[in-house]
Protein backbone atom coordinates (compact mmCIF):
# COMPACT_ATOMS: atom_id res chain seq x y z
CA MET A 1 -0.12 -49.95 -26.83
CA ARG A 2 -0.30 -50.57 -23.19
CA ARG A 3 1.39 -47.55 -22.29
CA ILE A 4 -1.00 -45.44 -24.85
CA VAL A 5 -4.04 -46.89 -22.98
CA LEU A 6 -2.11 -46.46 -19.44
CA LEU A 7 -1.91 -42.26 -20.50
CA LEU A 8 -5.62 -42.32 -21.81
CA LEU A 9 -6.73 -43.61 -18.36
CA ILE A 10 -4.34 -41.17 -16.34
CA LEU A 11 -5.84 -37.92 -18.52
CA SER A 12 -9.87 -39.62 -17.66
CA ILE A 13 -9.02 -39.39 -14.22
CA ARG A 14 -7.78 -35.49 -14.98
CA LEU A 15 -11.23 -34.92 -16.63
CA VAL A 16 -13.65 -36.09 -13.75
CA PRO A 17 -15.10 -33.41 -11.51
CA ALA A 18 -13.32 -32.70 -8.11
CA ASN A 19 -15.69 -32.06 -6.24
CA ALA A 20 -19.64 -32.13 -6.76
CA GLN A 21 -19.74 -28.11 -6.34
CA GLU A 22 -19.26 -28.42 -9.94
CA VAL A 23 -22.65 -30.16 -10.52
CA ASN A 24 -25.77 -28.35 -9.83
CA SER A 25 -29.80 -29.38 -10.35
CA THR A 26 -30.68 -28.59 -13.58
CA SER A 27 -34.03 -27.22 -12.44
CA ASP A 28 -34.34 -23.55 -13.11
CA SER A 29 -36.04 -20.57 -13.82
CA ALA A 30 -36.86 -17.07 -15.65
CA GLU A 31 -36.05 -15.42 -12.73
CA GLY A 32 -32.85 -17.64 -11.74
CA ASN A 33 -32.70 -20.57 -8.80
CA PHE A 34 -32.19 -19.79 -4.95
CA ASN A 35 -28.56 -19.38 -4.82
CA VAL A 36 -25.60 -20.06 -2.20
CA PRO A 37 -22.13 -18.06 -3.01
CA LEU A 38 -20.44 -21.45 -2.75
CA PRO A 39 -16.75 -21.90 -3.57
CA THR A 40 -16.18 -23.70 -6.87
CA LEU A 41 -13.32 -25.25 -9.23
CA GLY A 42 -14.00 -22.32 -11.93
CA GLY A 43 -15.37 -24.27 -14.76
CA LYS A 44 -12.75 -26.60 -15.24
CA GLN A 45 -13.34 -29.16 -18.37
CA PHE A 46 -17.16 -28.80 -17.71
CA TRP A 47 -17.98 -25.17 -18.24
CA THR A 48 -17.49 -22.57 -21.27
CA ASP A 49 -17.41 -18.84 -20.44
CA GLN A 50 -19.97 -16.78 -22.50
CA ARG A 51 -19.59 -13.15 -21.08
CA TRP A 52 -16.26 -11.81 -19.35
CA HIS A 53 -16.25 -8.65 -17.62
CA ARG A 54 -13.39 -7.54 -14.71
CA ASP A 55 -12.95 -11.47 -14.23
CA ILE A 56 -16.72 -11.87 -13.57
CA ARG A 57 -17.81 -14.51 -15.64
CA LEU A 58 -21.17 -15.94 -17.36
CA GLN A 59 -20.73 -20.02 -18.22
CA TYR A 60 -22.73 -22.68 -19.44
CA ASN A 61 -22.91 -25.95 -18.89
CA SER A 62 -23.77 -28.19 -21.93
CA THR A 63 -24.56 -31.32 -19.86
CA LEU A 64 -26.82 -29.76 -17.40
CA LYS A 65 -28.04 -27.52 -20.03
CA HIS A 66 -28.00 -24.15 -17.65
CA TYR A 67 -25.91 -21.38 -16.95
CA ARG A 68 -24.18 -19.28 -13.82
CA ILE A 69 -22.21 -16.59 -13.07
CA VAL A 70 -18.55 -16.73 -11.21
CA ASP A 71 -16.60 -14.04 -9.62
CA ALA A 72 -12.84 -13.64 -9.87
CA LYS A 73 -12.48 -15.87 -6.89
CA ASN A 74 -14.92 -18.58 -8.46
CA VAL A 75 -17.73 -18.37 -6.00
CA ARG A 76 -20.97 -18.81 -7.58
CA LEU A 77 -23.01 -15.57 -7.79
CA GLY A 78 -26.18 -17.49 -9.37
CA TRP A 79 -27.37 -20.14 -11.88
CA GLY A 80 -30.39 -20.87 -13.70
CA SER A 81 -31.66 -20.34 -17.12
CA ARG A 82 -30.05 -18.00 -20.12
CA GLU A 83 -32.47 -15.19 -19.87
CA ALA A 84 -32.05 -15.28 -15.93
CA MET A 85 -28.15 -15.15 -15.70
CA VAL A 86 -27.83 -12.71 -18.80
CA ALA A 87 -29.89 -10.12 -16.85
CA GLN A 88 -28.13 -11.07 -13.86
CA PHE A 89 -24.56 -10.56 -15.59
CA GLU A 90 -25.81 -7.16 -17.23
CA LYS A 91 -27.10 -5.83 -13.96
CA LEU A 92 -23.36 -7.01 -12.30
CA VAL A 93 -21.63 -5.05 -15.39
CA ALA A 94 -23.49 -2.02 -14.86
CA SER A 95 -22.66 -1.95 -11.12
CA LYS A 96 -18.83 -2.61 -11.67
CA PRO A 97 -18.06 0.02 -14.90
CA TYR A 98 -14.40 0.58 -16.20
CA GLU A 99 -13.28 4.03 -14.70
CA GLN A 100 -11.45 3.49 -18.18
CA ALA A 101 -12.14 0.65 -20.56
CA PRO A 102 -9.11 -1.10 -21.58
CA LYS A 103 -7.40 -0.35 -24.62
CA HIS A 104 -6.05 -3.71 -25.67
CA PHE A 105 -7.17 -6.90 -24.51
CA VAL A 106 -5.27 -10.26 -24.87
CA ILE A 107 -7.11 -13.33 -24.42
CA LEU A 108 -5.57 -16.29 -23.62
CA VAL A 109 -7.26 -19.69 -24.59
CA HIS A 110 -6.26 -23.00 -23.32
CA GLY A 111 -5.97 -26.44 -24.76
CA LEU A 112 -7.62 -30.08 -25.39
CA GLY A 113 -7.88 -31.24 -21.69
CA ARG A 114 -6.61 -28.59 -20.07
CA THR A 115 -7.83 -25.50 -18.20
CA ALA A 116 -7.81 -21.64 -18.00
CA ASP A 117 -5.26 -22.28 -14.99
CA SER A 118 -2.54 -23.90 -17.39
CA MET A 119 -2.31 -20.14 -18.93
CA ASP A 120 -2.30 -18.18 -15.77
CA PRO A 121 1.45 -18.08 -15.67
CA MET A 122 1.91 -16.45 -18.93
CA ALA A 123 -1.32 -14.01 -18.17
CA ALA A 124 0.62 -12.93 -14.90
CA PHE A 125 3.88 -12.49 -16.93
CA LEU A 126 2.22 -10.60 -19.48
CA GLN A 127 0.35 -8.37 -16.89
CA LYS A 128 3.96 -7.88 -15.24
CA GLN A 129 5.28 -6.01 -18.30
CA ALA A 130 2.68 -4.18 -18.97
CA ASP A 131 2.78 -2.80 -15.28
CA LEU A 132 6.51 -2.24 -15.51
CA GLN A 133 6.02 0.63 -18.13
CA PRO A 134 2.55 2.22 -16.70
CA ASN A 135 3.52 5.46 -18.82
CA GLU A 136 3.82 3.88 -22.52
CA PRO A 137 0.36 3.65 -23.89
CA HIS A 138 1.07 0.92 -26.44
CA LEU A 139 2.16 -1.26 -23.79
CA GLN A 140 -0.69 -1.03 -21.83
CA LEU A 141 -2.16 -4.81 -22.38
CA THR A 142 -5.14 -6.47 -20.42
CA PRO A 143 -4.79 -9.94 -20.38
CA PHE A 144 -7.29 -12.77 -19.06
CA THR A 145 -7.93 -16.24 -19.38
CA VAL A 146 -11.09 -18.14 -20.90
CA SER A 147 -12.40 -21.53 -20.11
CA TYR A 148 -14.19 -23.82 -22.16
CA ALA A 149 -15.31 -27.36 -21.81
CA SER A 150 -12.44 -28.71 -24.53
CA THR A 151 -13.49 -32.50 -24.04
CA ARG A 152 -17.31 -32.07 -24.16
CA ASP A 153 -18.48 -30.05 -27.37
CA SER A 154 -17.38 -29.60 -30.80
CA ILE A 155 -14.83 -26.91 -31.97
CA GLN A 156 -17.67 -25.24 -33.93
CA HIS A 157 -19.78 -24.74 -30.05
CA HIS A 158 -16.24 -23.35 -28.72
CA SER A 159 -15.85 -20.67 -31.24
CA GLN A 160 -19.62 -19.60 -30.94
CA ALA A 161 -19.02 -19.42 -27.38
CA LEU A 162 -15.65 -17.53 -27.88
CA CYS A 163 -17.25 -14.94 -30.15
CA GLU A 164 -20.35 -14.37 -28.05
CA LEU A 165 -17.47 -13.12 -25.28
CA ILE A 166 -15.38 -10.93 -27.61
CA GLU A 167 -18.63 -9.27 -29.01
CA HIS A 168 -19.66 -8.59 -25.54
CA LEU A 169 -16.30 -6.76 -24.62
CA PRO A 170 -16.15 -2.93 -24.37
CA ALA A 171 -16.28 -1.43 -27.91
CA ASP A 172 -13.58 -0.07 -29.86
CA THR A 173 -11.12 -2.09 -27.61
CA GLU A 174 -8.12 -3.72 -29.88
CA ILE A 175 -8.04 -7.67 -29.13
CA SER A 176 -4.62 -10.04 -29.43
CA PHE A 177 -4.70 -13.77 -28.48
CA VAL A 178 -2.45 -16.67 -27.05
CA ALA A 179 -3.35 -19.92 -27.39
CA HIS A 180 -1.95 -23.22 -26.53
CA SER A 181 -2.40 -26.27 -29.23
CA LEU A 182 -6.63 -26.63 -29.69
CA GLY A 183 -6.97 -23.09 -28.59
CA ASN A 184 -5.60 -22.00 -31.50
CA ILE A 185 -8.08 -23.85 -33.88
CA VAL A 186 -11.20 -22.06 -31.84
CA ILE A 187 -9.59 -18.96 -32.39
CA ARG A 188 -9.19 -19.81 -36.16
CA HIS A 189 -12.82 -21.08 -36.36
CA ALA A 190 -13.79 -18.16 -34.74
CA ILE A 191 -12.30 -15.50 -36.64
CA GLY A 192 -13.65 -17.82 -39.81
CA ARG A 193 -17.47 -17.74 -38.57
CA TRP A 194 -17.10 -13.33 -38.50
CA GLN A 195 -15.40 -13.59 -41.98
CA ARG A 196 -18.23 -16.28 -42.94
CA ASN A 197 -21.49 -15.07 -41.18
CA GLY A 198 -20.80 -11.22 -40.61
CA ASP A 199 -19.28 -8.80 -38.43
CA PRO A 200 -21.72 -6.66 -37.11
CA GLN A 201 -19.54 -5.57 -34.12
CA LYS A 202 -16.82 -4.84 -36.10
CA ILE A 203 -14.54 -7.09 -34.39
CA LEU A 204 -11.85 -8.27 -37.40
CA PRO A 205 -10.90 -4.44 -37.87
CA ARG A 206 -9.93 -4.45 -34.08
CA LEU A 207 -7.81 -7.73 -34.42
CA GLN A 208 -4.14 -7.19 -33.67
CA ARG A 209 -1.81 -10.30 -32.59
CA PHE A 210 -1.36 -13.90 -32.42
CA VAL A 211 0.71 -15.96 -30.89
CA MET A 212 0.24 -19.83 -31.55
CA LEU A 213 1.70 -21.97 -29.12
CA GLY A 214 2.07 -25.67 -30.26
CA PRO A 215 -1.07 -25.20 -32.87
CA PRO A 216 -2.20 -28.31 -34.74
CA ASN A 217 -2.63 -26.10 -37.77
CA GLN A 218 -2.60 -29.27 -40.01
CA GLY A 219 -4.77 -31.30 -37.68
CA SER A 220 -3.21 -33.88 -35.64
CA MET A 221 -1.54 -37.56 -36.44
CA LEU A 222 -1.50 -38.42 -32.89
CA ALA A 223 -5.33 -37.80 -32.59
CA GLU A 224 -6.04 -39.64 -35.93
CA LYS A 225 -3.87 -42.47 -34.71
CA LEU A 226 -5.49 -42.65 -30.60
CA ALA A 227 -8.86 -42.38 -32.55
CA LYS A 228 -8.88 -46.04 -33.02
CA LEU A 229 -9.07 -46.71 -29.78
CA LYS A 230 -12.74 -45.68 -28.20
CA LEU A 231 -11.17 -44.49 -24.86
CA PHE A 232 -9.73 -41.63 -26.96
CA GLU A 233 -12.96 -40.57 -27.91
CA VAL A 234 -14.84 -41.07 -24.37
CA ILE A 235 -11.96 -38.74 -22.91
CA THR A 236 -11.35 -35.93 -25.79
CA GLY A 237 -14.81 -35.88 -27.22
CA THR A 238 -15.93 -34.57 -30.42
CA SER A 239 -13.22 -32.11 -29.89
CA GLY A 240 -10.27 -34.52 -30.34
CA LEU A 241 -11.79 -36.64 -33.05
CA GLN A 242 -12.24 -32.96 -35.03
CA LEU A 243 -8.41 -33.00 -34.74
CA GLY A 244 -7.76 -36.57 -36.42
CA LYS A 245 -10.42 -38.44 -38.47
CA ALA A 246 -12.37 -35.54 -38.84
CA TRP A 247 -9.78 -32.70 -39.84
CA ASP A 248 -10.66 -32.81 -43.95
CA GLN A 249 -13.93 -31.41 -43.00
CA LEU A 250 -13.15 -29.35 -39.77
CA GLN A 251 -10.36 -26.93 -41.72
CA THR A 252 -12.43 -25.70 -44.47
CA GLU A 253 -14.12 -24.04 -41.47
CA LEU A 254 -10.74 -22.37 -40.11
CA ALA A 255 -9.44 -18.83 -40.98
CA ILE A 256 -5.83 -18.16 -41.70
CA PRO A 257 -5.52 -15.09 -39.39
CA PRO A 258 -5.68 -11.61 -41.35
CA ILE A 259 -3.11 -10.21 -38.53
CA PRO A 260 0.22 -10.77 -37.90
CA PHE A 261 0.93 -14.12 -36.09
CA LEU A 262 3.21 -15.89 -34.70
CA ILE A 263 3.86 -19.72 -34.22
CA ILE A 264 5.89 -21.45 -31.66
CA VAL A 265 6.83 -24.93 -31.85
CA GLY A 266 8.46 -27.21 -29.62
CA THR A 267 11.03 -29.78 -30.71
CA LEU A 268 12.41 -32.29 -28.49
CA ASP A 269 15.61 -33.17 -30.80
CA ASP A 270 18.19 -32.69 -27.87
CA LYS A 271 16.33 -34.52 -25.25
CA PRO A 272 16.38 -38.12 -24.29
CA VAL A 273 12.13 -38.14 -24.95
CA GLY A 274 10.03 -38.65 -27.86
CA ASN A 275 6.55 -39.89 -29.12
CA PRO A 276 6.91 -43.32 -31.51
CA LEU A 277 3.69 -42.38 -32.80
CA LEU A 278 5.11 -39.00 -34.49
CA ASN A 279 7.44 -38.51 -37.33
CA GLY A 280 9.49 -35.63 -37.83
CA PRO A 281 10.34 -32.87 -35.31
CA ASN A 282 7.76 -32.56 -32.36
CA ASP A 283 6.97 -31.53 -29.07
CA GLY A 284 5.67 -35.26 -28.20
CA VAL A 285 1.99 -34.23 -29.26
CA VAL A 286 2.72 -31.97 -32.19
CA THR A 287 4.79 -31.87 -35.37
CA LYS A 288 6.67 -29.28 -36.33
CA ASP A 289 4.94 -29.87 -39.96
CA GLU A 290 1.52 -29.83 -38.20
CA ALA A 291 2.07 -26.55 -36.59
CA MET A 292 3.12 -24.90 -39.50
CA LEU A 293 0.25 -21.90 -41.37
CA THR A 294 0.93 -20.17 -44.54
CA GLY A 295 1.50 -16.68 -43.99
CA ALA A 296 3.23 -16.89 -40.28
CA THR A 297 4.67 -13.31 -39.55
CA GLN A 298 7.49 -15.62 -37.84
CA ILE A 299 8.42 -19.02 -36.68
CA GLU A 300 10.10 -20.04 -33.66
CA GLU A 301 11.53 -23.55 -32.27
CA TYR A 302 12.16 -24.29 -28.88
CA SER A 303 13.60 -27.22 -26.99
CA GLN A 304 10.40 -27.95 -25.38
CA LEU A 305 7.51 -30.29 -24.24
CA HIS A 306 3.75 -29.21 -25.84
CA SER A 307 2.76 -29.29 -21.97
CA PHE A 308 4.97 -26.68 -21.03
CA LEU A 309 4.97 -24.52 -23.87
CA MET A 310 3.24 -21.72 -22.29
CA ASN A 311 5.19 -22.03 -18.81
CA ASP A 312 8.68 -21.45 -20.49
CA PRO A 313 10.43 -18.30 -19.52
CA GLU A 314 12.12 -17.17 -22.83
CA ILE A 315 8.62 -18.31 -24.78
CA MET A 316 6.77 -15.67 -22.59
CA LYS A 317 9.54 -12.99 -23.33
CA SER A 318 9.04 -13.81 -27.11
CA THR A 319 4.93 -13.88 -26.61
CA TRP A 320 5.54 -10.13 -25.04
CA GLN A 321 8.16 -8.65 -27.74
CA PHE A 322 5.87 -9.85 -30.49
CA LEU A 323 2.48 -8.39 -28.65
CA ILE A 324 3.72 -5.13 -28.55
CA SER A 325 5.86 -4.99 -31.69
CA ASP A 326 4.79 -2.90 -34.84
């Protein structure tokens, strides 16, 4: 038990903002606030992307209750109310149009307590593979990562933001997903939202493929057990609880993806490590049984820890092959 508490304390340190530039005054106006183009951390833990255009992002902070815009280098371009920032973002989009809109976006979504940076190596690999074959239209994927405040809001809030972001991408563009851990549940909830509430932007017909890395598709035994510790809720927030003791309610809102999907699970049978809180083959966080989901197109196992699934070279190759397969 002491080891578990120590682990949670270490995680809590990772979730504290690294500098004050991530926290701003809550005072704003319809015209936006006076802005100095300061570098930021890009939204780690506290900011959720709601719009994306060529690496320019409109983000929302649920603690401070205001919005901001950051560029590809995470420099803040503006901050203030939603009305002001949406107007500024739309002007930026108009000033930086695509010469030719991407044909196929691959959206990469990180897991609980992680950041968009954790998916950067996978995104870079996918982009490199696409760039190697410029004359093959069906291989021209455009990957990008999204950030969301995984420990600060509910899965419903995360999925609503993801839906908004996707609905404002160029019309008719195909969309695929690569997600790690909690990110898979956010995407499944977003798909369920379109199925339940309607899909005026016709997103569902444009969805192509989905690669799930270490997905807790059946909830998380680890989250349920750790929820007994008050520190767990402090660190992981509502999302962590939803994977455990609140799973029964959440799972009714999750869709089985209506597209081909690959489940990649980590198993540590050949490694001298393990998690005594889990039963059966697992990656240290998610068990093989928890990752399963009816309708999977493929299921692949790798001897890899949960935190490093997206960095494994063989998993990167398998992800690429699945995304481009017919």
